[in-house]
Amino acid sequence: MPAVRSHRYSVAESDLEEFLARRSSLIATVRETHPGLTRAVLIRLEDGAYDDTWYWETAEQMDAALAAVATFPEAPLTMALTRDGTVLNGRVVDQR
């Protein structure tokens, strides 16, 4: 069953370009080392915060990647440019 990990955070406008480059590098590394990441969607919300949702083929693939997050040097570099972050994991119940 598909799974998602959703992050909500803020990024200073002056850091956005660097954040996007770091995020892109992080996504590439995750895909190279942990199959199953089908898409990563970043949305700027009305309040200026960002919703960053990563979609996985299975919960097991997502869990394996999360367990290895400490091995991705891009992760702390990317998240260092965010503030006020929250994270939620979920399982897809219905999609049309």
PDB file of N, CA and C in Angstrom:
ATOM      1  N   MET A   1       0.837  -1.175   0.000  1.00  0.00           N
ATOM      2  CA  MET A   1       0.000   0.000   0.000  1.00  0.00           C
ATOM      3  C   MET A   1       0.887   1.244   0.000  1.00  0.00           C
ATOM      4  N   PRO A   2       0.579   2.231  -0.826  1.00  0.00           N
ATOM      5  CA  PRO A   2       1.386   3.453  -0.875  1.00  0.00           C
ATOM      6  C   PRO A   2       1.403   4.197   0.461  1.00  0.00           C
ATOM      7  N   ALA A   3       2.487   4.921   0.678  1.00  0.00           N
ATOM      8  CA  ALA A   3       2.651   5.703   1.897  1.00  0.00           C
ATOM      9  C   ALA A   3       3.164   7.089   1.530  1.00  0.00           C
ATOM     10  N   VAL A   4       2.967   8.029   2.449  1.00  0.00           N
ATOM     11  CA  VAL A   4       3.435   9.398   2.235  1.00  0.00           C
ATOM     12  C   VAL A   4       4.114   9.917   3.495  1.00  0.00           C
ATOM     13  N   ARG A   5       5.020  10.839   3.282  1.00  0.00           N
ATOM     14  CA  ARG A   5       5.619  11.604   4.383  1.00  0.00           C
ATOM     15  C   ARG A   5       5.444  13.057   3.999  1.00  0.00           C
ATOM     16  N   SER A   6       4.803  13.791   4.871  1.00  0.00           N
ATOM     17  CA  SER A   6       4.490  15.182   4.591  1.00  0.00           C
ATOM     18  C   SER A   6       5.208  16.082   5.596  1.00  0.00           C
ATOM     19  N   HIS A   7       5.930  17.059   5.073  1.00  0.00           N
ATOM     20  CA  HIS A   7       6.628  18.048   5.885  1.00  0.00           C
ATOM     21  C   HIS A   7       5.952  19.392   5.640  1.00  0.00           C
ATOM     22  N   ARG A   8       5.859  20.171   6.679  1.00  0.00           N
ATOM     23  CA  ARG A   8       5.400  21.556   6.529  1.00  0.00           C
ATOM     24  C   ARG A   8       6.430  22.415   7.226  1.00  0.00           C
ATOM     25  N   TYR A   9       6.928  23.436   6.539  1.00  0.00           N
ATOM     26  CA  TYR A   9       7.964  24.287   7.096  1.00  0.00           C
ATOM     27  C   TYR A   9       7.993  25.605   6.354  1.00  0.00           C
ATOM     28  N   SER A  10       8.793  26.511   6.880  1.00  0.00           N
ATOM     29  CA  SER A  10       9.028  27.803   6.231  1.00  0.00           C
ATOM     30  C   SER A  10      10.466  27.852   5.745  1.00  0.00           C
ATOM     31  N   VAL A  11      10.691  28.621   4.699  1.00  0.00           N
ATOM     32  CA  VAL A  11      12.024  28.861   4.156  1.00  0.00           C
ATOM     33  C   VAL A  11      12.117  30.356   3.867  1.00  0.00           C
ATOM     34  N   ALA A  12      13.167  30.976   4.327  1.00  0.00           N
ATOM     35  CA  ALA A  12      13.360  32.395   4.038  1.00  0.00           C
ATOM     36  C   ALA A  12      13.498  32.588   2.534  1.00  0.00           C
ATOM     37  N   GLU A  13      12.900  33.636   2.025  1.00  0.00           N
ATOM     38  CA  GLU A  13      12.949  33.907   0.583  1.00  0.00           C
ATOM     39  C   GLU A  13      14.393  33.956   0.087  1.00  0.00           C
ATOM     40  N   SER A  14      15.275  34.504   0.896  1.00  0.00           N
ATOM     41  CA  SER A  14      16.684  34.616   0.506  1.00  0.00           C
ATOM     42  C   SER A  14      17.381  33.249   0.433  1.00  0.00           C
ATOM     43  N   ASP A  15      16.805  32.222   1.065  1.00  0.00           N
ATOM     44  CA  ASP A  15      17.384  30.874   1.068  1.00  0.00           C
ATOM     45  C   ASP A  15      16.713  29.934   0.073  1.00  0.00           C
ATOM     46  N   LEU A  16      15.658  30.390  -0.577  1.00  0.00           N
ATOM     47  CA  LEU A  16      14.845  29.480  -1.386  1.00  0.00           C
ATOM     48  C   LEU A  16      15.633  28.815  -2.511  1.00  0.00           C
ATOM     49  N   GLU A  17      16.405  29.554  -3.256  1.00  0.00           N
ATOM     50  CA  GLU A  17      17.149  28.960  -4.379  1.00  0.00           C
ATOM     51  C   GLU A  17      18.111  27.879  -3.883  1.00  0.00           C
ATOM     52  N   GLU A  18      18.834  28.168  -2.819  1.00  0.00           N
ATOM     53  CA  GLU A  18      19.765  27.177  -2.252  1.00  0.00           C
ATOM     54  C   GLU A  18      18.992  25.984  -1.687  1.00  0.00           C
ATOM     55  N   PHE A  19      17.879  26.248  -1.028  1.00  0.00           N
ATOM     56  CA  PHE A  19      17.059  25.159  -0.495  1.00  0.00           C
ATOM     57  C   PHE A  19      16.608  24.224  -1.618  1.00  0.00           C
ATOM     58  N   LEU A  20      16.125  24.783  -2.719  1.00  0.00           N
ATOM     59  CA  LEU A  20      15.654  23.960  -3.832  1.00  0.00           C
ATOM     60  C   LEU A  20      16.787  23.112  -4.418  1.00  0.00           C
ATOM     61  N   ALA A  21      17.972  23.660  -4.508  1.00  0.00           N
ATOM     62  CA  ALA A  21      19.118  22.893  -5.011  1.00  0.00           C
ATOM     63  C   ALA A  21      19.466  21.754  -4.062  1.00  0.00           C
ATOM     64  N   ARG A  22      19.482  22.049  -2.767  1.00  0.00           N
ATOM     65  CA  ARG A  22      19.793  21.006  -1.779  1.00  0.00           C
ATOM     66  C   ARG A  22      18.710  19.939  -1.751  1.00  0.00           C
ATOM     67  N   ARG A  23      17.461  20.353  -1.826  1.00  0.00           N
ATOM     68  CA  ARG A  23      16.346  19.396  -1.833  1.00  0.00           C
ATOM     69  C   ARG A  23      16.448  18.480  -3.041  1.00  0.00           C
ATOM     70  N   SER A  24      16.780  19.033  -4.191  1.00  0.00           N
ATOM     71  CA  SER A  24      16.929  18.243  -5.405  1.00  0.00           C
ATOM     72  C   SER A  24      18.033  17.199  -5.246  1.00  0.00           C
ATOM     73  N   SER A  25      19.138  17.591  -4.664  1.00  0.00           N
ATOM     74  CA  SER A  25      20.240  16.665  -4.419  1.00  0.00           C
ATOM     75  C   SER A  25      19.827  15.572  -3.442  1.00  0.00           C
ATOM     76  N   LEU A  26      19.104  15.941  -2.399  1.00  0.00           N
ATOM     77  CA  LEU A  26      18.624  14.960  -1.427  1.00  0.00           C
ATOM     78  C   LEU A  26      17.694  13.945  -2.086  1.00  0.00           C
ATOM     79  N   ILE A  27      16.771  14.414  -2.891  1.00  0.00           N
ATOM     80  CA  ILE A  27      15.836  13.513  -3.576  1.00  0.00           C
ATOM     81  C   ILE A  27      16.598  12.549  -4.481  1.00  0.00           C
ATOM     82  N   ALA A  28      17.585  13.046  -5.202  1.00  0.00           N
ATOM     83  CA  ALA A  28      18.384  12.183  -6.088  1.00  0.00           C
ATOM     84  C   ALA A  28      19.117  11.110  -5.289  1.00  0.00           C
ATOM     85  N   THR A  29      19.682  11.478  -4.159  1.00  0.00           N
ATOM     86  CA  THR A  29      20.389  10.507  -3.326  1.00  0.00           C
ATOM     87  C   THR A  29      19.436   9.459  -2.775  1.00  0.00           C
ATOM     88  N   VAL A  30      18.291   9.887  -2.298  1.00  0.00           N
ATOM     89  CA  VAL A  30      17.310   8.937  -1.774  1.00  0.00           C
ATOM     90  C   VAL A  30      16.894   7.968  -2.871  1.00  0.00           C
ATOM     91  N   ARG A  31      16.614   8.461  -4.049  1.00  0.00           N
ATOM     92  CA  ARG A  31      16.195   7.590  -5.155  1.00  0.00           C
ATOM     93  C   ARG A  31      17.290   6.604  -5.555  1.00  0.00           C
ATOM     94  N   GLU A  32      18.545   7.031  -5.511  1.00  0.00           N
ATOM     95  CA  GLU A  32      19.657   6.149  -5.863  1.00  0.00           C
ATOM     96  C   GLU A  32      19.843   5.026  -4.859  1.00  0.00           C
ATOM     97  N   THR A  33      19.602   5.314  -3.597  1.00  0.00           N
ATOM     98  CA  THR A  33      19.905   4.347  -2.538  1.00  0.00           C
ATOM     99  C   THR A  33      18.696   3.605  -1.991  1.00  0.00           C
ATOM    100  N   HIS A  34      17.511   4.139  -2.195  1.00  0.00           N
ATOM    101  CA  HIS A  34      16.289   3.528  -1.655  1.00  0.00           C
ATOM    102  C   HIS A  34      15.170   3.628  -2.690  1.00  0.00           C
ATOM    103  N   PRO A  35      14.944   2.556  -3.434  1.00  0.00           N
ATOM    104  CA  PRO A  35      13.881   2.593  -4.447  1.00  0.00           C
ATOM    105  C   PRO A  35      12.511   2.768  -3.808  1.00  0.00           C
ATOM    106  N   GLY A  36      11.601   3.263  -4.598  1.00  0.00           N
ATOM    107  CA  GLY A  36      10.225   3.371  -4.140  1.00  0.00           C
ATOM    108  C   GLY A  36       9.694   4.776  -4.024  1.00  0.00           C
ATOM    109  N   LEU A  37      10.575   5.781  -4.025  1.00  0.00           N
ATOM    110  CA  LEU A  37      10.107   7.168  -3.987  1.00  0.00           C
ATOM    111  C   LEU A  37       9.580   7.511  -5.371  1.00  0.00           C
ATOM    112  N   THR A  38       8.253   7.647  -5.486  1.00  0.00           N
ATOM    113  CA  THR A  38       7.637   7.851  -6.801  1.00  0.00           C
ATOM    114  C   THR A  38       7.538   9.325  -7.182  1.00  0.00           C
ATOM    115  N   ARG A  39       7.368  10.192  -6.192  1.00  0.00           N
ATOM    116  CA  ARG A  39       7.338  11.626  -6.479  1.00  0.00           C
ATOM    117  C   ARG A  39       7.501  12.405  -5.186  1.00  0.00           C
ATOM    118  N   ALA A  40       7.978  13.616  -5.334  1.00  0.00           N
ATOM    119  CA  ALA A  40       8.125  14.539  -4.211  1.00  0.00           C
ATOM    120  C   ALA A  40       7.557  15.874  -4.687  1.00  0.00           C
ATOM    121  N   VAL A  41       6.522  16.336  -4.017  1.00  0.00           N
ATOM    122  CA  VAL A  41       5.788  17.523  -4.452  1.00  0.00           C
ATOM    123  C   VAL A  41       5.939  18.626  -3.406  1.00  0.00           C
ATOM    124  N   LEU A  42       6.464  19.770  -3.838  1.00  0.00           N
ATOM    125  CA  LEU A  42       6.627  20.919  -2.961  1.00  0.00           C
ATOM    126  C   LEU A  42       5.600  21.971  -3.359  1.00  0.00           C
ATOM    127  N   ILE A  43       4.803  22.394  -2.390  1.00  0.00           N
ATOM    128  CA  ILE A  43       3.736  23.368  -2.636  1.00  0.00           C
ATOM    129  C   ILE A  43       3.932  24.565  -1.719  1.00  0.00           C
ATOM    130  N   ARG A  44       3.909  25.747  -2.306  1.00  0.00           N
ATOM    131  CA  ARG A  44       3.919  26.962  -1.483  1.00  0.00           C
ATOM    132  C   ARG A  44       2.474  27.284  -1.126  1.00  0.00           C
ATOM    133  N   LEU A  45       2.195  27.352   0.146  1.00  0.00           N
ATOM    134  CA  LEU A  45       0.846  27.595   0.633  1.00  0.00           C
ATOM    135  C   LEU A  45       0.549  29.086   0.724  1.00  0.00           C
ATOM    136  N   GLU A  46      -0.710  29.417   0.878  1.00  0.00           N
ATOM    137  CA  GLU A  46      -1.143  30.817   0.934  1.00  0.00           C
ATOM    138  C   GLU A  46      -0.441  31.613   2.021  1.00  0.00           C
ATOM    139  N   ASP A  47      -0.124  30.949   3.138  1.00  0.00           N
ATOM    140  CA  ASP A  47       0.501  31.653   4.251  1.00  0.00           C
ATOM    141  C   ASP A  47       2.015  31.785   4.101  1.00  0.00           C
ATOM    142  N   GLY A  48       2.559  31.318   2.969  1.00  0.00           N
ATOM    143  CA  GLY A  48       3.985  31.416   2.718  1.00  0.00           C
ATOM    144  C   GLY A  48       4.778  30.203   3.155  1.00  0.00           C
ATOM    145  N   ALA A  49       4.160  29.305   3.918  1.00  0.00           N
ATOM    146  CA  ALA A  49       4.816  28.062   4.329  1.00  0.00           C
ATOM    147  C   ALA A  49       4.825  27.100   3.141  1.00  0.00           C
ATOM    148  N   TYR A  50       5.576  26.026   3.279  1.00  0.00           N
ATOM    149  CA  TYR A  50       5.663  25.009   2.228  1.00  0.00           C
ATOM    150  C   TYR A  50       5.148  23.673   2.745  1.00  0.00           C
ATOM    151  N   ASP A  51       4.463  22.970   1.884  1.00  0.00           N
ATOM    152  CA  ASP A  51       4.065  21.584   2.143  1.00  0.00           C
ATOM    153  C   ASP A  51       4.889  20.729   1.178  1.00  0.00           C
ATOM    154  N   ASP A  52       5.665  19.815   1.733  1.00  0.00           N
ATOM    155  CA  ASP A  52       6.576  18.982   0.949  1.00  0.00           C
ATOM    156  C   ASP A  52       6.175  17.527   1.189  1.00  0.00           C
ATOM    157  N   THR A  53       5.495  16.931   0.229  1.00  0.00           N
ATOM    158  CA  THR A  53       4.981  15.576   0.396  1.00  0.00           C
ATOM    159  C   THR A  53       5.725  14.626  -0.522  1.00  0.00           C
ATOM    160  N   TRP A  54       6.240  13.550   0.083  1.00  0.00           N
ATOM    161  CA  TRP A  54       6.978  12.518  -0.638  1.00  0.00           C
ATOM    162  C   TRP A  54       6.121  11.263  -0.685  1.00  0.00           C
ATOM    163  N   TYR A  55       5.942  10.722  -1.878  1.00  0.00           N
ATOM    164  CA  TYR A  55       5.082   9.562  -2.100  1.00  0.00           C
ATOM    165  C   TYR A  55       5.944   8.324  -2.340  1.00  0.00           C
ATOM    166  N   TRP A  56       5.611   7.246  -1.660  1.00  0.00           N
ATOM    167  CA  TRP A  56       6.360   5.994  -1.726  1.00  0.00           C
ATOM    168  C   TRP A  56       5.466   4.866  -2.213  1.00  0.00           C
ATOM    169  N   GLU A  57       6.048   3.916  -2.943  1.00  0.00           N
ATOM    170  CA  GLU A  57       5.290   2.748  -3.405  1.00  0.00           C
ATOM    171  C   GLU A  57       4.749   1.942  -2.234  1.00  0.00           C
ATOM    172  N   THR A  58       5.574   1.783  -1.182  1.00  0.00           N
ATOM    173  CA  THR A  58       5.136   1.013  -0.013  1.00  0.00           C
ATOM    174  C   THR A  58       5.620   1.685   1.269  1.00  0.00           C
ATOM    175  N   ALA A  59       4.951   1.371   2.356  1.00  0.00           N
ATOM    176  CA  ALA A  59       5.363   1.877   3.659  1.00  0.00           C
ATOM    177  C   ALA A  59       6.718   1.307   4.050  1.00  0.00           C
ATOM    178  N   GLU A  60       7.000   0.078   3.668  1.00  0.00           N
ATOM    179  CA  GLU A  60       8.277  -0.544   3.994  1.00  0.00           C
ATOM    180  C   GLU A  60       9.443   0.195   3.336  1.00  0.00           C
ATOM    181  N   GLN A  61       9.249   0.624   2.084  1.00  0.00           N
ATOM    182  CA  GLN A  61      10.300   1.386   1.393  1.00  0.00           C
ATOM    183  C   GLN A  61      10.514   2.740   2.059  1.00  0.00           C
ATOM    184  N   MET A  62       9.435   3.392   2.441  1.00  0.00           N
ATOM    185  CA  MET A  62       9.544   4.666   3.133  1.00  0.00           C
ATOM    186  C   MET A  62      10.254   4.476   4.469  1.00  0.00           C
ATOM    187  N   ASP A  63       9.851   3.470   5.220  1.00  0.00           N
ATOM    188  CA  ASP A  63      10.452   3.223   6.530  1.00  0.00           C
ATOM    189  C   ASP A  63      11.950   2.922   6.413  1.00  0.00           C
ATOM    190  N   ALA A  64      12.343   2.176   5.385  1.00  0.00           N
ATOM    191  CA  ALA A  64      13.763   1.859   5.191  1.00  0.00           C
ATOM    192  C   ALA A  64      14.563   3.131   4.902  1.00  0.00           C
ATOM    193  N   ALA A  65      14.023   3.995   4.081  1.00  0.00           N
ATOM    194  CA  ALA A  65      14.714   5.249   3.783  1.00  0.00           C
ATOM    195  C   ALA A  65      14.798   6.136   5.024  1.00  0.00           C
ATOM    196  N   LEU A  66      13.728   6.201   5.789  1.00  0.00           N
ATOM    197  CA  LEU A  66      13.741   7.014   7.009  1.00  0.00           C
ATOM    198  C   LEU A  66      14.747   6.476   8.019  1.00  0.00           C
ATOM    199  N   ALA A  67      14.875   5.155   8.098  1.00  0.00           N
ATOM    200  CA  ALA A  67      15.838   4.549   9.019  1.00  0.00           C
ATOM    201  C   ALA A  67      17.275   4.895   8.625  1.00  0.00           C
ATOM    202  N   ALA A  68      17.493   5.184   7.343  1.00  0.00           N
ATOM    203  CA  ALA A  68      18.829   5.479   6.844  1.00  0.00           C
ATOM    204  C   ALA A  68      19.091   6.974   6.688  1.00  0.00           C
ATOM    205  N   VAL A  69      18.174   7.816   7.150  1.00  0.00           N
ATOM    206  CA  VAL A  69      18.297   9.263   6.901  1.00  0.00           C
ATOM    207  C   VAL A  69      19.624   9.822   7.409  1.00  0.00           C
ATOM    208  N   ALA A  70      20.176   9.256   8.454  1.00  0.00           N
ATOM    209  CA  ALA A  70      21.452   9.752   8.986  1.00  0.00           C
ATOM    210  C   ALA A  70      22.608   9.537   8.006  1.00  0.00           C
ATOM    211  N   THR A  71      22.428   8.664   7.020  1.00  0.00           N
ATOM    212  CA  THR A  71      23.488   8.400   6.037  1.00  0.00           C
ATOM    213  C   THR A  71      23.411   9.349   4.835  1.00  0.00           C
ATOM    214  N   PHE A  72      22.411  10.205   4.799  1.00  0.00           N
ATOM    215  CA  PHE A  72      22.253  11.159   3.704  1.00  0.00           C
ATOM    216  C   PHE A  72      22.800  12.510   4.147  1.00  0.00           C
ATOM    217  N   PRO A  73      24.016  12.886   3.732  1.00  0.00           N
ATOM    218  CA  PRO A  73      24.554  14.166   4.191  1.00  0.00           C
ATOM    219  C   PRO A  73      23.717  15.355   3.744  1.00  0.00           C
ATOM    220  N   GLU A  74      22.943  15.188   2.678  1.00  0.00           N
ATOM    221  CA  GLU A  74      22.108  16.297   2.180  1.00  0.00           C
ATOM    222  C   GLU A  74      20.940  16.615   3.113  1.00  0.00           C
ATOM    223  N   ALA A  75      20.509  15.640   3.909  1.00  0.00           N
ATOM    224  CA  ALA A  75      19.326  15.854   4.751  1.00  0.00           C
ATOM    225  C   ALA A  75      19.512  16.994   5.749  1.00  0.00           C
ATOM    226  N   PRO A  76      20.540  16.962   6.601  1.00  0.00           N
ATOM    227  CA  PRO A  76      20.668  18.094   7.540  1.00  0.00           C
ATOM    228  C   PRO A  76      21.014  19.406   6.843  1.00  0.00           C
ATOM    229  N   LEU A  77      21.735  19.330   5.732  1.00  0.00           N
ATOM    230  CA  LEU A  77      22.062  20.558   4.993  1.00  0.00           C
ATOM    231  C   LEU A  77      20.801  21.207   4.425  1.00  0.00           C
ATOM    232  N   THR A  78      19.899  20.381   3.928  1.00  0.00           N
ATOM    233  CA  THR A  78      18.642  20.881   3.367  1.00  0.00           C
ATOM    234  C   THR A  78      17.750  21.432   4.472  1.00  0.00           C
ATOM    235  N   MET A  79      17.553  20.649   5.515  1.00  0.00           N
ATOM    236  CA  MET A  79      16.635  21.051   6.570  1.00  0.00           C
ATOM    237  C   MET A  79      17.164  22.223   7.394  1.00  0.00           C
ATOM    238  N   ALA A  80      18.469  22.490   7.336  1.00  0.00           N
ATOM    239  CA  ALA A  80      19.035  23.636   8.053  1.00  0.00           C
ATOM    240  C   ALA A  80      18.483  24.957   7.527  1.00  0.00           C
ATOM    241  N   LEU A  81      17.967  24.944   6.311  1.00  0.00           N
ATOM    242  CA  LEU A  81      17.411  26.166   5.716  1.00  0.00           C
ATOM    243  C   LEU A  81      15.917  26.329   6.007  1.00  0.00           C
ATOM    244  N   THR A  82      15.349  25.419   6.788  1.00  0.00           N
ATOM    245  CA  THR A  82      13.918  25.506   7.117  1.00  0.00           C
ATOM    246  C   THR A  82      13.745  25.918   8.575  1.00  0.00           C
ATOM    247  N   ARG A  83      12.535  26.324   8.891  1.00  0.00           N
ATOM    248  CA  ARG A  83      12.188  26.633  10.289  1.00  0.00           C
ATOM    249  C   ARG A  83      10.718  26.286  10.510  1.00  0.00           C
ATOM    250  N   ASP A  84      10.370  26.110  11.784  1.00  0.00           N
ATOM    251  CA  ASP A  84       8.982  25.816  12.170  1.00  0.00           C
ATOM    252  C   ASP A  84       8.455  24.563  11.482  1.00  0.00           C
ATOM    253  N   GLY A  85       9.257  23.509  11.418  1.00  0.00           N
ATOM    254  CA  GLY A  85       8.871  22.303  10.700  1.00  0.00           C
ATOM    255  C   GLY A  85       8.042  21.327  11.509  1.00  0.00           C
ATOM    256  N   THR A  86       7.143  20.680  10.809  1.00  0.00           N
ATOM    257  CA  THR A  86       6.378  19.557  11.358  1.00  0.00           C
ATOM    258  C   THR A  86       6.410  18.429  10.332  1.00  0.00           C
ATOM    259  N   VAL A  87       6.252  17.203  10.807  1.00  0.00           N
ATOM    260  CA  VAL A  87       6.303  16.033   9.929  1.00  0.00           C
ATOM    261  C   VAL A  87       5.176  15.090  10.290  1.00  0.00           C
ATOM    262  N   LEU A  88       4.529  14.526   9.255  1.00  0.00           N
ATOM    263  CA  LEU A  88       3.500  13.508   9.443  1.00  0.00           C
ATOM    264  C   LEU A  88       3.734  12.393   8.441  1.00  0.00           C
ATOM    265  N   ASN A  89       3.594  11.151   8.895  1.00  0.00           N
ATOM    266  CA  ASN A  89       3.620   9.991   8.007  1.00  0.00           C
ATOM    267  C   ASN A  89       2.200   9.483   7.854  1.00  0.00           C
ATOM    268  N   GLY A  90       1.894   8.906   6.702  1.00  0.00           N
ATOM    269  CA  GLY A  90       0.555   8.370   6.499  1.00  0.00           C
ATOM    270  C   GLY A  90       0.533   7.262   5.477  1.00  0.00           C
ATOM    271  N   ARG A  91      -0.561   6.542   5.459  1.00  0.00           N
ATOM    272  CA  ARG A  91      -0.795   5.472   4.498  1.00  0.00           C
ATOM    273  C   ARG A  91      -1.964   5.882   3.615  1.00  0.00           C
ATOM    274  N   VAL A  92      -1.842   5.654   2.324  1.00  0.00           N
ATOM    275  CA  VAL A  92      -2.905   6.004   1.389  1.00  0.00           C
ATOM    276  C   VAL A  92      -4.084   5.047   1.612  1.00  0.00           C
ATOM    277  N   VAL A  93      -5.248   5.599   1.834  1.00  0.00           N
ATOM    278  CA  VAL A  93      -6.451   4.823   2.061  1.00  0.00           C
ATOM    279  C   VAL A  93      -7.279   4.741   0.778  1.00  0.00           C
ATOM    280  N   ASP A  94      -7.295   5.841   0.030  1.00  0.00           N
ATOM    281  CA  ASP A  94      -8.070   5.895  -1.210  1.00  0.00           C
ATOM    282  C   ASP A  94      -7.431   6.925  -2.132  1.00  0.00           C
ATOM    283  N   GLN A  95      -7.334   6.583  -3.390  1.00  0.00           N
ATOM    284  CA  GLN A  95      -6.891   7.568  -4.383  1.00  0.00           C
ATOM    285  C   GLN A  95      -7.647   7.316  -5.670  1.00  0.00           C
ATOM    286  N   ARG A  96      -7.971   8.374  -6.347  1.00  0.00           N
ATOM    287  CA  ARG A  96      -8.790   8.242  -7.576  1.00  0.00           C
ATOM    288  C   ARG A  96      -8.131   8.964  -8.706  1.00  0.00           C
TER     289      ARG A  96
END
